[in-house]
Protein backbone atom coordinates (compact mmCIF):
# COMPACT_ATOMS: atom_id res chain seq x y z
CA UNK A 1 -4.49 -97.96 -6.84
CA UNK A 2 -3.60 -101.42 -8.08
CA UNK A 3 -3.02 -100.19 -11.65
CA UNK A 4 -0.82 -97.33 -10.37
CA UNK A 5 1.31 -99.79 -8.45
CA UNK A 6 1.70 -101.83 -11.61
CA UNK A 7 2.83 -98.88 -13.73
CA UNK A 8 5.26 -97.65 -11.10
CA UNK A 9 6.56 -101.09 -10.08
CA UNK A 10 6.99 -102.94 -13.35
CA UNK A 11 7.60 -100.51 -16.21
CA UNK A 12 10.83 -99.14 -14.69
CA UNK A 13 11.99 -102.74 -14.24
CA UNK A 14 11.20 -103.44 -17.87
CA UNK A 15 13.25 -100.43 -18.95
CA UNK A 16 16.21 -101.53 -16.82
CA UNK A 17 16.00 -105.09 -18.13
CA UNK A 18 15.86 -103.79 -21.69
CA UNK A 19 19.10 -101.91 -21.08
CA UNK A 20 20.70 -105.01 -19.56
CA UNK A 21 19.64 -107.12 -22.52
CA UNK A 22 21.08 -104.56 -24.97
CA UNK A 23 24.33 -104.55 -23.00
CA UNK A 24 24.53 -108.35 -22.98
CA UNK A 25 23.80 -108.54 -26.70
CA UNK A 26 26.58 -106.05 -27.36
CA UNK A 27 29.03 -108.11 -25.30
CA UNK A 28 28.07 -111.37 -27.02
CA UNK A 29 28.12 -110.00 -30.57
CA UNK A 30 31.02 -107.54 -30.56
CA UNK A 31 33.67 -110.27 -30.96
CA UNK A 32 33.10 -110.49 -34.71
CA UNK A 33 33.17 -106.73 -35.26
CA UNK A 34 36.24 -106.39 -33.05
CA UNK A 35 38.11 -109.00 -35.09
CA UNK A 36 37.17 -107.12 -38.27
CA UNK A 37 38.40 -103.85 -36.77
CA UNK A 38 41.67 -105.51 -35.75
CA UNK A 39 42.11 -106.90 -39.27
CA UNK A 40 41.92 -103.40 -40.74
CA UNK A 41 44.15 -101.99 -38.01
CA UNK A 42 46.79 -104.64 -38.69
CA UNK A 43 46.55 -103.77 -42.40
CA UNK A 44 47.12 -100.09 -41.60
CA UNK A 45 43.70 -99.14 -42.97
CA UNK A 46 41.21 -96.47 -42.06
CA UNK A 47 37.60 -96.07 -43.17
CA UNK A 48 37.16 -92.91 -45.27
CA UNK A 49 34.14 -91.42 -46.98
CA UNK A 50 34.34 -90.67 -50.69
CA UNK A 51 32.75 -87.69 -52.43
CA UNK A 52 29.80 -89.80 -53.54
CA UNK A 53 29.06 -90.68 -49.91
CA UNK A 54 30.30 -94.27 -50.04
CA UNK A 55 32.85 -95.57 -47.55
CA UNK A 56 36.02 -97.48 -48.34
CA UNK A 57 39.07 -98.73 -46.46
CA UNK A 58 42.30 -96.90 -47.31
CA UNK A 59 45.85 -97.68 -46.19
CA UNK A 60 47.02 -94.71 -44.12
CA UNK A 61 49.92 -96.25 -42.17
CA UNK A 62 52.39 -99.07 -42.63
CA UNK A 63 50.72 -102.41 -41.75
CA UNK A 64 51.94 -104.20 -38.65
CA UNK A 65 52.57 -107.27 -40.81
CA UNK A 66 53.95 -106.73 -44.34
CA UNK A 67 55.40 -108.73 -47.20
CA UNK A 68 59.16 -108.31 -47.45
CA UNK A 69 62.03 -108.98 -49.84
CA UNK A 70 63.64 -112.18 -48.55
CA UNK A 71 67.10 -110.90 -49.55
CA UNK A 72 67.20 -107.55 -47.78
CA UNK A 73 64.03 -107.67 -45.62
CA UNK A 74 62.78 -104.44 -47.19
CA UNK A 75 58.97 -104.14 -47.25
CA UNK A 76 57.33 -104.81 -50.61
CA UNK A 77 55.11 -102.14 -52.15
CA UNK A 78 52.77 -101.88 -55.10
CA UNK A 79 51.28 -99.08 -57.13
CA UNK A 80 47.57 -98.36 -56.95
CA UNK A 81 45.18 -95.58 -57.95
CA UNK A 82 44.13 -93.62 -54.88
CA UNK A 83 40.59 -92.44 -54.13
CA UNK A 84 41.39 -89.08 -55.72
CA UNK A 85 42.64 -90.69 -58.93
CA UNK A 86 46.38 -90.35 -58.29
CA UNK A 87 48.90 -93.16 -58.60
CA UNK A 88 50.47 -93.96 -55.23
CA UNK A 89 52.60 -96.71 -53.72
CA UNK A 90 51.30 -98.68 -50.75
CA UNK A 91 52.66 -101.50 -48.60
CA UNK A 92 51.58 -105.07 -49.31
CA UNK A 93 50.03 -106.44 -46.09
CA UNK A 94 51.01 -109.95 -45.05
CA UNK A 95 47.43 -111.24 -44.96
CA UNK A 96 48.40 -114.80 -44.03
CA UNK A 97 50.21 -113.50 -40.96
CA UNK A 98 47.28 -111.26 -40.05
CA UNK A 99 44.79 -114.12 -40.33
CA UNK A 100 47.02 -116.42 -38.26
CA UNK A 101 47.21 -113.84 -35.48
CA UNK A 102 43.45 -113.19 -35.62
CA UNK A 103 42.80 -116.93 -35.47
CA UNK A 104 45.00 -117.19 -32.38
CA UNK A 105 43.23 -114.24 -30.75
CA UNK A 106 39.83 -115.79 -31.48
CA UNK A 107 40.84 -119.21 -30.20
CA UNK A 108 42.29 -117.77 -26.98
CA UNK A 109 39.46 -115.48 -25.98
CA UNK A 110 37.91 -113.08 -28.48
CA UNK A 111 34.85 -115.07 -29.49
CA UNK A 112 31.15 -115.27 -28.69
CA UNK A 113 31.43 -118.19 -26.25
CA UNK A 114 34.13 -116.79 -23.95
CA UNK A 115 31.83 -114.30 -22.14
CA UNK A 116 29.45 -117.16 -21.26
CA UNK A 117 32.20 -119.16 -19.58
CA UNK A 118 33.36 -118.97 -15.99
CA UNK A 119 36.83 -119.09 -14.49
CA UNK A 120 38.64 -117.94 -11.40
CA UNK A 121 41.57 -115.54 -11.38
CA UNK A 122 44.20 -118.25 -10.93
CA UNK A 123 42.97 -120.33 -13.87
CA UNK A 124 42.68 -117.23 -16.06
CA UNK A 125 46.23 -116.12 -15.23
CA UNK A 126 47.61 -119.57 -16.05
CA UNK A 127 45.82 -119.56 -19.43
CA UNK A 128 47.02 -116.03 -20.19
CA UNK A 129 50.58 -116.94 -19.27
CA UNK A 130 50.53 -119.84 -21.73
CA UNK A 131 49.02 -117.62 -24.43
CA UNK A 132 51.57 -114.85 -23.89
CA UNK A 133 54.42 -117.35 -24.03
CA UNK A 134 53.10 -118.81 -27.30
CA UNK A 135 52.56 -115.31 -28.75
CA UNK A 136 56.06 -114.15 -27.80
CA UNK A 137 57.69 -117.16 -29.45
CA UNK A 138 55.54 -116.77 -32.57
CA UNK A 139 56.34 -113.07 -33.03
CA UNK A 140 60.05 -113.73 -32.47
CA UNK A 141 60.30 -116.63 -34.90
CA UNK A 142 58.17 -114.94 -37.56
CA UNK A 143 59.45 -111.37 -37.16
CA UNK A 144 61.45 -111.29 -40.40
CA UNK A 145 59.04 -113.40 -42.45
CA UNK A 146 56.06 -111.32 -41.34
CA UNK A 147 57.86 -107.99 -41.77
CA UNK A 148 57.48 -106.89 -38.15
CA UNK A 149 59.64 -103.87 -37.34
CA UNK A 150 62.04 -104.86 -34.60
CA UNK A 151 61.38 -101.62 -32.72
CA UNK A 152 57.60 -102.19 -32.93
CA UNK A 153 57.59 -105.81 -31.84
CA UNK A 154 57.01 -105.00 -28.11
CA UNK A 155 54.08 -102.76 -29.07
CA UNK A 156 52.57 -105.44 -31.33
CA UNK A 157 52.96 -108.01 -28.56
CA UNK A 158 51.35 -105.73 -25.96
CA UNK A 159 48.46 -104.83 -28.28
CA UNK A 160 47.55 -108.46 -29.01
CA UNK A 161 48.02 -109.52 -25.39
CA UNK A 162 45.70 -106.77 -24.14
CA UNK A 163 42.92 -107.78 -26.54
CA UNK A 164 42.94 -111.35 -25.22
CA UNK A 165 43.21 -110.22 -21.59
CA UNK A 166 40.16 -107.97 -21.96
CA UNK A 167 38.17 -110.76 -23.61
CA UNK A 168 39.07 -113.33 -20.97
CA UNK A 169 38.28 -110.97 -18.11
CA UNK A 170 34.60 -111.12 -19.12
CA UNK A 171 34.37 -114.71 -17.87
CA UNK A 172 36.10 -114.00 -14.56
CA UNK A 173 33.89 -115.58 -11.87
CA UNK A 174 31.18 -116.00 -14.52
CA UNK A 175 30.03 -112.39 -14.23
CA UNK A 176 28.41 -112.18 -17.69
CA UNK A 177 26.72 -115.55 -17.21
CA UNK A 178 25.43 -114.44 -13.78
CA UNK A 179 24.09 -111.21 -15.26
CA UNK A 180 22.34 -113.14 -18.01
CA UNK A 181 20.81 -115.54 -15.49
CA UNK A 182 19.59 -112.67 -13.29
CA UNK A 183 18.08 -110.91 -16.29
CA UNK A 184 16.15 -114.04 -17.27
CA UNK A 185 14.84 -114.35 -13.70
CA UNK A 186 13.72 -110.70 -13.73
CA UNK A 187 11.85 -111.25 -16.99
CA UNK A 188 10.13 -114.30 -15.49
CA UNK A 189 9.14 -112.27 -12.41
CA UNK A 190 7.68 -109.50 -14.57
CA UNK A 191 5.70 -112.02 -16.60
CA UNK A 192 4.44 -113.58 -13.37
CA UNK A 193 3.42 -110.14 -12.08
CA UNK A 194 1.57 -109.40 -15.29
CA UNK A 195 -0.40 -112.64 -14.99
CA UNK A 196 -1.32 -111.76 -11.41
CA UNK A 197 -2.57 -108.32 -12.51
CA UNK A 198 -4.93 -109.81 -15.08
CA UNK A 199 -8.49 -110.72 -14.13
CA UNK A 200 -10.59 -113.55 -15.55
CA UNK A 201 -12.70 -110.91 -17.32
CA UNK A 202 -9.89 -109.58 -19.52
């Protein structure tokens, strides 16, 4: 009976804890992959598979930030050979602008340490207000230099703001940190239960 209680009482807990750990790992490690995905999105790129099975990033839309002609503000383009061997013209992404925006996003929330922090709603809203104000000024002052379409500026602003808001919400009231602490306690309890189940003759 004792061994049955063990199998029914602890193994389900271990499965649940394993799922929690996987979820926490995903939260703590996705910042880097999300920044990479944003970089390609800002460059107007999409991952496509070639005939030989390899994958490559291809520009499919106009980048959100592009190099422009300083005289007429027209976007600069260059000629490349496409994946099917044809010569095509593509926009030149403004990589310095993209990296500056990504650096701002990382500094203000999308990083591996933010989920482990704790803040209340008031403090978070104050921080977000300051970030949004800084972002708005930056996009306005750099609009021409960074080749941001005037009609798309509100969309670019909203996109970047939402990314930081979602990242910062993870530390609201320390919910990720609390979940991590509870998971560690559960693991300790399981280990304690396992020691109690063992006999001196094992």
